[in-house]
């Protein structure tokens, strides 16, 4: 079994599964120390809209479900489908195809599978975790720091209403570099600096 899993024809799929496992471990560790790789990844991607069915990224479900979930699903589907294809050939007594051909076939099949899974996940994610909306329109909005203290050198996770009845989770740093805004504080989004947002304490 191990010989089959690690055979040269299956190396791309072994790497894919290893990457998913490593990413999951890193995400758990990052959450434990007050950060989130998943939300950081979502924050560095361009604005995505779920109502753009012709967009190549929307086929994967990006814009409907968190980017970390979508990409993890894609890599997992790629690995499982690849092993399934090569395993089916081996079961039928046929030599496995080249890793390049198997990878191309697995990726082709993994894309629609990822889209279906992502849309299914999007339907069960609580509404306050909606990832639909434009981050460019968040300036001036009131949000809450939900994970970590906001520091200039270490962004915190901030939940901000997306204008569609849900919320977006973005990376936030203090507008004044020397400030530290504690977790749970209400903040106002002052500006967007590339992939993070500068925020200030909001006095009610």
C-alpha atoms as a PDB file:
ATOM      1  CA  UNK A   1       0.000   0.000   0.000  1.00  0.00           C
ATOM      2  CA  UNK A   2       2.748   2.446   0.992  1.00  0.00           C
ATOM      3  CA  UNK A   3       4.652   1.466  -2.133  1.00  0.00           C
ATOM      4  CA  UNK A   4       1.640   2.399  -4.260  1.00  0.00           C
ATOM      5  CA  UNK A   5       1.035   5.706  -2.423  1.00  0.00           C
ATOM      6  CA  UNK A   6       4.652   6.799  -2.825  1.00  0.00           C
ATOM      7  CA  UNK A   7       5.305   5.382  -6.298  1.00  0.00           C
ATOM      8  CA  UNK A   8       6.761   7.828  -8.873  1.00  0.00           C
ATOM      9  CA  UNK A   9       3.472   7.905 -10.794  1.00  0.00           C
ATOM     10  CA  UNK A  10       1.680   9.096  -7.651  1.00  0.00           C
ATOM     11  CA  UNK A  11       4.190  11.652  -6.341  1.00  0.00           C
ATOM     12  CA  UNK A  12       2.009  14.694  -7.315  1.00  0.00           C
ATOM     13  CA  UNK A  13      -0.886  13.286  -5.321  1.00  0.00           C
ATOM     14  CA  UNK A  14       1.264  12.373  -2.322  1.00  0.00           C
ATOM     15  CA  UNK A  15       2.610  15.934  -2.288  1.00  0.00           C
ATOM     16  CA  UNK A  16      -0.921  17.359  -2.545  1.00  0.00           C
ATOM     17  CA  UNK A  17      -2.173  15.376   0.447  1.00  0.00           C
ATOM     18  CA  UNK A  18       0.960  16.269   2.433  1.00  0.00           C
ATOM     19  CA  UNK A  19       0.412  19.967   1.689  1.00  0.00           C
ATOM     20  CA  UNK A  20      -3.196  19.800   2.903  1.00  0.00           C
ATOM     21  CA  UNK A  21      -2.170  18.077   6.139  1.00  0.00           C
ATOM     22  CA  UNK A  22       0.625  20.608   6.718  1.00  0.00           C
ATOM     23  CA  UNK A  23      -1.720  23.538   5.995  1.00  0.00           C
ATOM     24  CA  UNK A  24      -4.263  22.192   8.470  1.00  0.00           C
ATOM     25  CA  UNK A  25      -1.606  21.882  11.175  1.00  0.00           C
ATOM     26  CA  UNK A  26      -0.315  25.404  10.493  1.00  0.00           C
ATOM     27  CA  UNK A  27      -3.850  26.814  10.633  1.00  0.00           C
ATOM     28  CA  UNK A  28      -4.527  25.150  13.994  1.00  0.00           C
ATOM     29  CA  UNK A  29      -1.241  26.414  15.433  1.00  0.00           C
ATOM     30  CA  UNK A  30      -1.794  29.934  14.081  1.00  0.00           C
ATOM     31  CA  UNK A  31      -5.266  30.108  15.644  1.00  0.00           C
ATOM     32  CA  UNK A  32      -3.841  28.979  18.979  1.00  0.00           C
ATOM     33  CA  UNK A  33      -1.346  31.874  18.926  1.00  0.00           C
ATOM     34  CA  UNK A  34      -4.007  34.423  18.009  1.00  0.00           C
ATOM     35  CA  UNK A  35      -3.780  34.575  14.217  1.00  0.00           C
ATOM     36  CA  UNK A  36      -5.388  32.816  11.274  1.00  0.00           C
ATOM     37  CA  UNK A  37      -3.620  31.786   8.089  1.00  0.00           C
ATOM     38  CA  UNK A  38      -6.992  31.097   6.495  1.00  0.00           C
ATOM     39  CA  UNK A  39      -8.337  34.609   7.011  1.00  0.00           C
ATOM     40  CA  UNK A  40      -4.968  36.109   6.034  1.00  0.00           C
ATOM     41  CA  UNK A  41      -5.108  34.193   2.753  1.00  0.00           C
ATOM     42  CA  UNK A  42      -8.625  35.413   2.095  1.00  0.00           C
ATOM     43  CA  UNK A  43      -7.451  38.960   2.784  1.00  0.00           C
ATOM     44  CA  UNK A  44      -4.665  38.919   0.177  1.00  0.00           C
ATOM     45  CA  UNK A  45      -6.876  37.694  -2.656  1.00  0.00           C
ATOM     46  CA  UNK A  46      -8.581  40.228  -4.913  1.00  0.00           C
ATOM     47  CA  UNK A  47     -12.212  41.145  -4.288  1.00  0.00           C
ATOM     48  CA  UNK A  48     -14.418  38.337  -5.516  1.00  0.00           C
ATOM     49  CA  UNK A  49     -18.100  38.409  -6.271  1.00  0.00           C
ATOM     50  CA  UNK A  50     -20.329  35.366  -6.140  1.00  0.00           C
ATOM     51  CA  UNK A  51     -22.613  36.829  -8.798  1.00  0.00           C
ATOM     52  CA  UNK A  52     -20.013  36.573 -11.548  1.00  0.00           C
ATOM     53  CA  UNK A  53     -20.606  33.034 -12.867  1.00  0.00           C
ATOM     54  CA  UNK A  54     -18.342  33.533 -15.849  1.00  0.00           C
ATOM     55  CA  UNK A  55     -15.329  34.366 -13.724  1.00  0.00           C
ATOM     56  CA  UNK A  56     -12.754  31.564 -13.708  1.00  0.00           C
ATOM     57  CA  UNK A  57     -12.302  31.822  -9.942  1.00  0.00           C
ATOM     58  CA  UNK A  58     -16.033  31.661  -9.270  1.00  0.00           C
ATOM     59  CA  UNK A  59     -16.078  28.162 -10.827  1.00  0.00           C
ATOM     60  CA  UNK A  60     -14.082  27.045  -7.785  1.00  0.00           C
ATOM     61  CA  UNK A  61     -16.464  28.761  -5.408  1.00  0.00           C
ATOM     62  CA  UNK A  62     -14.110  31.609  -4.507  1.00  0.00           C
ATOM     63  CA  UNK A  63     -16.275  34.483  -3.389  1.00  0.00           C
ATOM     64  CA  UNK A  64     -18.815  32.097  -1.878  1.00  0.00           C
ATOM     65  CA  UNK A  65     -16.659  30.246   0.660  1.00  0.00           C
ATOM     66  CA  UNK A  66     -13.405  31.238   2.418  1.00  0.00           C
ATOM     67  CA  UNK A  67     -10.344  31.063   0.176  1.00  0.00           C
ATOM     68  CA  UNK A  68      -8.513  28.732   2.578  1.00  0.00           C
ATOM     69  CA  UNK A  69     -11.404  26.254   2.456  1.00  0.00           C
ATOM     70  CA  UNK A  70     -11.701  26.440  -1.333  1.00  0.00           C
ATOM     71  CA  UNK A  71      -7.988  25.936  -1.981  1.00  0.00           C
ATOM     72  CA  UNK A  72      -7.747  23.144   0.595  1.00  0.00           C
ATOM     73  CA  UNK A  73     -10.717  21.445  -1.066  1.00  0.00           C
ATOM     74  CA  UNK A  74      -9.128  21.789  -4.505  1.00  0.00           C
ATOM     75  CA  UNK A  75      -5.820  20.282  -3.417  1.00  0.00           C
ATOM     76  CA  UNK A  76      -7.555  17.487  -1.493  1.00  0.00           C
ATOM     77  CA  UNK A  77      -9.825  16.654  -4.434  1.00  0.00           C
ATOM     78  CA  UNK A  78      -6.810  16.654  -6.752  1.00  0.00           C
ATOM     79  CA  UNK A  79      -4.965  14.192  -4.530  1.00  0.00           C
ATOM     80  CA  UNK A  80      -7.905  11.868  -3.943  1.00  0.00           C
ATOM     81  CA  UNK A  81      -9.010  11.826  -7.587  1.00  0.00           C
ATOM     82  CA  UNK A  82      -5.436  11.234  -8.747  1.00  0.00           C
ATOM     83  CA  UNK A  83      -4.988   8.292  -6.416  1.00  0.00           C
ATOM     84  CA  UNK A  84      -8.400   7.003  -7.477  1.00  0.00           C
ATOM     85  CA  UNK A  85      -7.505   7.105 -11.154  1.00  0.00           C
ATOM     86  CA  UNK A  86      -4.145   5.395 -10.713  1.00  0.00           C
ATOM     87  CA  UNK A  87      -5.613   2.889  -8.268  1.00  0.00           C
ATOM     88  CA  UNK A  88      -8.389   1.979 -10.702  1.00  0.00           C
ATOM     89  CA  UNK A  89      -5.818   1.267 -13.395  1.00  0.00           C
ATOM     90  CA  UNK A  90      -3.766  -0.861 -11.013  1.00  0.00           C
ATOM     91  CA  UNK A  91      -6.893  -2.783  -9.935  1.00  0.00           C
ATOM     92  CA  UNK A  92      -7.658  -3.482 -13.601  1.00  0.00           C
ATOM     93  CA  UNK A  93      -4.120  -4.755 -14.162  1.00  0.00           C
ATOM     94  CA  UNK A  94      -3.137  -1.754 -16.292  1.00  0.00           C
ATOM     95  CA  UNK A  95       0.120   0.117 -15.862  1.00  0.00           C
ATOM     96  CA  UNK A  96      -0.356   3.567 -14.279  1.00  0.00           C
ATOM     97  CA  UNK A  97      -0.191   6.510 -16.659  1.00  0.00           C
ATOM     98  CA  UNK A  98       2.507   9.153 -16.428  1.00  0.00           C
ATOM     99  CA  UNK A  99       2.213  11.557 -13.455  1.00  0.00           C
ATOM    100  CA  UNK A 100       1.811  14.480 -15.871  1.00  0.00           C
ATOM    101  CA  UNK A 101      -1.181  12.956 -17.629  1.00  0.00           C
ATOM    102  CA  UNK A 102      -2.679  11.752 -14.359  1.00  0.00           C
ATOM    103  CA  UNK A 103      -2.202  15.200 -12.794  1.00  0.00           C
ATOM    104  CA  UNK A 104      -3.827  17.003 -15.716  1.00  0.00           C
ATOM    105  CA  UNK A 105      -6.812  14.643 -15.606  1.00  0.00           C
ATOM    106  CA  UNK A 106      -7.132  14.876 -11.827  1.00  0.00           C
ATOM    107  CA  UNK A 107      -6.977  18.679 -11.873  1.00  0.00           C
ATOM    108  CA  UNK A 108      -9.587  18.856 -14.632  1.00  0.00           C
ATOM    109  CA  UNK A 109     -11.946  16.708 -12.566  1.00  0.00           C
ATOM    110  CA  UNK A 110     -11.089  18.405  -9.268  1.00  0.00           C
ATOM    111  CA  UNK A 111     -12.211  21.872 -10.396  1.00  0.00           C
ATOM    112  CA  UNK A 112     -15.961  21.122 -10.713  1.00  0.00           C
ATOM    113  CA  UNK A 113     -15.839  18.941  -7.590  1.00  0.00           C
ATOM    114  CA  UNK A 114     -14.302  21.844  -5.662  1.00  0.00           C
ATOM    115  CA  UNK A 115     -16.974  24.206  -6.947  1.00  0.00           C
ATOM    116  CA  UNK A 116     -19.771  21.913  -5.781  1.00  0.00           C
ATOM    117  CA  UNK A 117     -18.195  21.329  -2.372  1.00  0.00           C
ATOM    118  CA  UNK A 118     -17.470  25.031  -1.880  1.00  0.00           C
ATOM    119  CA  UNK A 119     -21.046  25.999  -2.669  1.00  0.00           C
ATOM    120  CA  UNK A 120     -22.265  23.342  -0.263  1.00  0.00           C
ATOM    121  CA  UNK A 121     -19.980  24.697   2.461  1.00  0.00           C
ATOM    122  CA  UNK A 122     -21.152  28.242   1.729  1.00  0.00           C
ATOM    123  CA  UNK A 123     -24.747  27.203   2.451  1.00  0.00           C
ATOM    124  CA  UNK A 124     -23.896  25.889   5.919  1.00  0.00           C
ATOM    125  CA  UNK A 125     -21.473  28.622   6.985  1.00  0.00           C
ATOM    126  CA  UNK A 126     -23.203  30.990   9.439  1.00  0.00           C
ATOM    127  CA  UNK A 127     -24.376  34.196   7.799  1.00  0.00           C
ATOM    128  CA  UNK A 128     -21.909  36.343   9.744  1.00  0.00           C
ATOM    129  CA  UNK A 129     -19.116  34.542   7.928  1.00  0.00           C
ATOM    130  CA  UNK A 130     -20.216  35.618   4.468  1.00  0.00           C
ATOM    131  CA  UNK A 131     -17.301  36.323   2.182  1.00  0.00           C
ATOM    132  CA  UNK A 132     -19.406  38.112  -0.427  1.00  0.00           C
ATOM    133  CA  UNK A 133     -18.890  41.837  -0.806  1.00  0.00           C
ATOM    134  CA  UNK A 134     -16.342  44.406  -1.839  1.00  0.00           C
ATOM    135  CA  UNK A 135     -13.569  45.203   0.605  1.00  0.00           C
ATOM    136  CA  UNK A 136     -13.021  48.514  -1.129  1.00  0.00           C
ATOM    137  CA  UNK A 137     -16.352  49.717   0.294  1.00  0.00           C
ATOM    138  CA  UNK A 138     -15.476  48.919   3.905  1.00  0.00           C
ATOM    139  CA  UNK A 139     -13.736  52.239   4.606  1.00  0.00           C
ATOM    140  CA  UNK A 140     -15.832  54.137   7.146  1.00  0.00           C
ATOM    141  CA  UNK A 141     -17.515  50.985   8.442  1.00  0.00           C
ATOM    142  CA  UNK A 142     -17.605  49.983  12.097  1.00  0.00           C
ATOM    143  CA  UNK A 143     -16.142  46.594  12.910  1.00  0.00           C
ATOM    144  CA  UNK A 144     -15.014  44.431  15.816  1.00  0.00           C
ATOM    145  CA  UNK A 145     -11.640  42.832  16.419  1.00  0.00           C
ATOM    146  CA  UNK A 146     -12.481  39.151  16.747  1.00  0.00           C
ATOM    147  CA  UNK A 147      -9.072  37.478  16.907  1.00  0.00           C
ATOM    148  CA  UNK A 148      -5.886  38.953  18.359  1.00  0.00           C
ATOM    149  CA  UNK A 149      -4.758  42.431  19.340  1.00  0.00           C
ATOM    150  CA  UNK A 150      -4.200  44.807  16.414  1.00  0.00           C
ATOM    151  CA  UNK A 151      -0.566  45.875  16.211  1.00  0.00           C
ATOM    152  CA  UNK A 152       1.410  47.510  13.420  1.00  0.00           C
ATOM    153  CA  UNK A 153       3.609  44.434  13.110  1.00  0.00           C
ATOM    154  CA  UNK A 154       0.861  41.869  13.668  1.00  0.00           C
ATOM    155  CA  UNK A 155      -2.616  42.394  12.140  1.00  0.00           C
ATOM    156  CA  UNK A 156      -5.700  41.231  13.987  1.00  0.00           C
ATOM    157  CA  UNK A 157      -8.801  39.663  12.491  1.00  0.00           C
ATOM    158  CA  UNK A 158     -11.623  42.176  12.191  1.00  0.00           C
ATOM    159  CA  UNK A 159     -15.263  41.459  11.414  1.00  0.00           C
ATOM    160  CA  UNK A 160     -16.943  44.196   9.364  1.00  0.00           C
ATOM    161  CA  UNK A 161     -20.506  44.281   7.924  1.00  0.00           C
ATOM    162  CA  UNK A 162     -20.379  43.676   4.177  1.00  0.00           C
ATOM    163  CA  UNK A 163     -23.520  45.635   3.307  1.00  0.00           C
ATOM    164  CA  UNK A 164     -25.336  42.476   2.203  1.00  0.00           C
ATOM    165  CA  UNK A 165     -26.591  41.329   5.579  1.00  0.00           C
ATOM    166  CA  UNK A 166     -23.411  39.410   6.391  1.00  0.00           C
ATOM    167  CA  UNK A 167     -19.873  40.199   7.429  1.00  0.00           C
ATOM    168  CA  UNK A 168     -16.372  40.119   6.030  1.00  0.00           C
ATOM    169  CA  UNK A 169     -13.310  39.092   7.996  1.00  0.00           C
ATOM    170  CA  UNK A 170     -10.272  41.237   7.177  1.00  0.00           C
ATOM    171  CA  UNK A 171      -6.800  41.859   8.546  1.00  0.00           C
ATOM    172  CA  UNK A 172      -6.575  45.084  10.568  1.00  0.00           C
ATOM    173  CA  UNK A 173      -3.706  47.192  11.942  1.00  0.00           C
ATOM    174  CA  UNK A 174      -3.861  50.420  13.976  1.00  0.00           C
ATOM    175  CA  UNK A 175      -3.885  53.602  11.915  1.00  0.00           C
ATOM    176  CA  UNK A 176      -1.312  54.931  14.397  1.00  0.00           C
ATOM    177  CA  UNK A 177       1.651  52.508  14.239  1.00  0.00           C
ATOM    178  CA  UNK A 178       2.418  52.830  17.959  1.00  0.00           C
ATOM    179  CA  UNK A 179      -1.079  51.847  19.113  1.00  0.00           C
ATOM    180  CA  UNK A 180      -2.219  48.437  20.298  1.00  0.00           C
ATOM    181  CA  UNK A 181      -5.973  47.839  19.992  1.00  0.00           C
ATOM    182  CA  UNK A 182      -7.102  44.867  22.097  1.00  0.00           C
ATOM    183  CA  UNK A 183      -9.238  41.993  20.871  1.00  0.00           C
ATOM    184  CA  UNK A 184     -12.955  42.671  21.242  1.00  0.00           C
ATOM    185  CA  UNK A 185     -12.641  46.418  20.603  1.00  0.00           C
ATOM    186  CA  UNK A 186     -14.967  48.242  18.251  1.00  0.00           C
ATOM    187  CA  UNK A 187     -13.054  50.028  15.518  1.00  0.00           C
ATOM    188  CA  UNK A 188     -13.717  52.212  12.513  1.00  0.00           C
ATOM    189  CA  UNK A 189     -12.048  51.372   9.218  1.00  0.00           C
ATOM    190  CA  UNK A 190      -9.995  54.401   8.201  1.00  0.00           C
ATOM    191  CA  UNK A 191      -8.345  53.230   5.005  1.00  0.00           C
ATOM    192  CA  UNK A 192      -7.233  50.231   3.020  1.00  0.00           C
ATOM    193  CA  UNK A 193      -3.505  49.578   2.680  1.00  0.00           C
ATOM    194  CA  UNK A 194      -3.200  46.915  -0.009  1.00  0.00           C
ATOM    195  CA  UNK A 195      -4.209  43.693   1.765  1.00  0.00           C
ATOM    196  CA  UNK A 196      -4.813  45.062   5.270  1.00  0.00           C
ATOM    197  CA  UNK A 197      -7.047  47.775   6.701  1.00  0.00           C
ATOM    198  CA  UNK A 198      -5.968  50.595   8.995  1.00  0.00           C
ATOM    199  CA  UNK A 199      -8.431  51.029  11.859  1.00  0.00           C
ATOM    200  CA  UNK A 200      -8.906  53.336  14.832  1.00  0.00           C
ATOM    201  CA  UNK A 201     -10.737  52.804  18.106  1.00  0.00           C
ATOM    202  CA  UNK A 202     -14.416  53.655  17.817  1.00  0.00           C
ATOM    203  CA  UNK A 203     -15.776  55.694  20.698  1.00  0.00           C
ATOM    204  CA  UNK A 204     -19.516  55.084  21.138  1.00  0.00           C
END
